[in-house]
Protein backbone atom coordinates (compact mmCIF):
# COMPACT_ATOMS: atom_id res chain seq x y z
CA MET A 1 17.54 22.23 21.09
CA PRO A 2 15.39 19.36 22.46
CA PRO A 3 14.63 16.52 20.01
CA ILE A 4 11.36 16.85 18.12
CA VAL A 5 10.55 13.22 18.93
CA SER A 6 11.76 12.06 22.22
CA ASP A 7 9.99 8.76 22.41
CA LEU A 8 9.55 6.53 19.56
CA SER A 9 7.27 4.05 21.43
CA VAL A 10 4.17 6.04 20.47
CA ASP A 11 0.74 4.53 21.03
CA ARG A 12 -0.52 3.93 17.49
CA ALA A 13 -4.18 3.96 18.61
CA LEU A 14 -3.60 7.56 19.87
CA ILE A 15 -2.17 8.57 16.41
CA ALA A 16 -5.13 7.07 14.69
CA THR A 17 -7.61 9.11 16.71
CA LEU A 18 -5.86 12.43 16.11
CA GLY A 19 -7.27 14.32 13.14
CA VAL A 20 -6.00 16.96 10.87
CA GLN A 21 -7.42 20.48 11.11
CA ASP A 22 -9.97 20.86 8.13
CA ALA A 23 -8.28 22.92 5.56
CA GLY A 24 -11.25 22.84 3.25
CA ASN A 25 -10.33 20.05 0.88
CA ALA A 26 -8.47 17.71 3.36
CA VAL A 27 -8.32 14.09 2.36
CA THR A 28 -8.40 11.54 5.25
CA PRO A 29 -5.96 8.56 5.21
CA GLU A 30 -8.27 5.76 4.61
CA THR A 31 -7.97 2.52 2.51
CA SER A 32 -10.20 3.76 -0.33
CA THR A 33 -8.28 7.25 -0.57
CA VAL A 34 -4.86 5.58 -0.69
CA ALA A 35 -6.24 3.08 -3.27
CA ASP A 36 -7.69 5.79 -5.61
CA GLY A 37 -4.67 8.02 -5.26
CA SER A 38 -6.29 10.92 -3.71
CA TYR A 39 -4.36 10.56 -0.40
CA ALA A 40 -0.70 10.26 -1.40
CA PRO A 41 1.61 11.99 1.26
CA LEU A 42 2.59 8.72 3.07
CA SER A 43 1.72 6.12 0.21
CA ARG A 44 3.77 4.64 -2.55
CA PHE A 45 3.47 1.66 -4.95
CA ILE A 46 5.65 -1.42 -4.23
CA TYR A 47 7.14 -2.85 -7.33
CA MET A 48 8.10 -6.39 -8.12
CA ASN A 49 10.99 -6.36 -10.78
CA VAL A 50 12.09 -9.53 -12.42
CA ASN A 51 15.03 -10.21 -14.68
CA ASN A 52 13.40 -11.46 -17.82
CA ASN A 53 15.69 -14.46 -17.89
CA ASP A 54 14.25 -15.58 -14.54
CA TRP A 55 10.55 -15.54 -15.18
CA ASP A 56 10.28 -19.33 -14.84
CA LEU A 57 11.68 -19.03 -11.37
CA VAL A 58 9.36 -16.38 -10.14
CA ARG A 59 6.01 -16.58 -12.16
CA ASP A 60 4.18 -18.65 -9.47
CA PHE A 61 5.12 -16.18 -6.73
CA ILE A 62 4.06 -13.16 -8.95
CA THR A 63 0.79 -14.96 -9.90
CA TYR A 64 0.13 -15.48 -6.31
CA GLY A 65 0.94 -11.87 -5.32
CA TYR A 66 -1.76 -10.63 -7.78
CA SER A 67 -4.41 -13.42 -6.84
CA ASP A 68 -7.18 -12.69 -4.53
CA GLU A 69 -5.43 -14.74 -1.87
CA GLY A 70 -2.24 -12.55 -2.43
CA MET A 71 -4.25 -9.37 -2.25
CA ASP A 72 -5.97 -10.46 0.97
CA HIS A 73 -2.31 -11.20 2.44
CA VAL A 74 -1.24 -7.66 1.31
CA SER A 75 -4.24 -6.29 3.36
CA ASP A 76 -3.62 -8.60 6.26
CA VAL A 77 -0.19 -7.15 6.85
CA GLY A 78 -1.38 -3.60 6.81
CA TYR A 79 -0.83 -2.47 3.18
CA VAL A 80 -3.54 -1.35 0.71
CA ALA A 81 -4.36 -3.92 -1.94
CA LEU A 82 -4.31 -2.64 -5.57
CA PRO A 83 -7.57 -1.47 -7.08
CA ALA A 84 -9.08 -4.11 -9.12
CA THR A 85 -8.40 -2.32 -12.39
CA MET A 86 -4.84 -1.89 -11.71
CA ASN A 87 -4.52 -5.40 -10.46
CA ALA A 88 -6.13 -6.80 -13.69
CA GLU A 89 -3.60 -4.68 -15.70
CA MET A 90 -0.73 -6.27 -13.82
CA VAL A 91 -2.05 -9.73 -14.15
CA SER A 92 -2.38 -9.22 -18.01
CA ARG A 93 1.49 -8.39 -17.93
CA ILE A 94 2.38 -11.70 -16.47
CA GLY A 95 1.46 -13.58 -19.58
């Protein structure tokens, strides 16, 4: 049986232009649909877990991660930044 994918050097621009046949309630993969959770097949949250005894070592990094500059960096590298309400909840947990 031939491999399903024979060449992994795929042109990403070509992939972005291919659509999905409209199945009635299809959701397109856009920043807004990933952020609001309506498009979830290929999305997931990325968690930052911290040993409670080490907060003093990582607090500045975590604070940066949830700052406007940190969220801009998240977007710059191709991820979807947290929605403002979720970001505010995470910031409130930093203390």
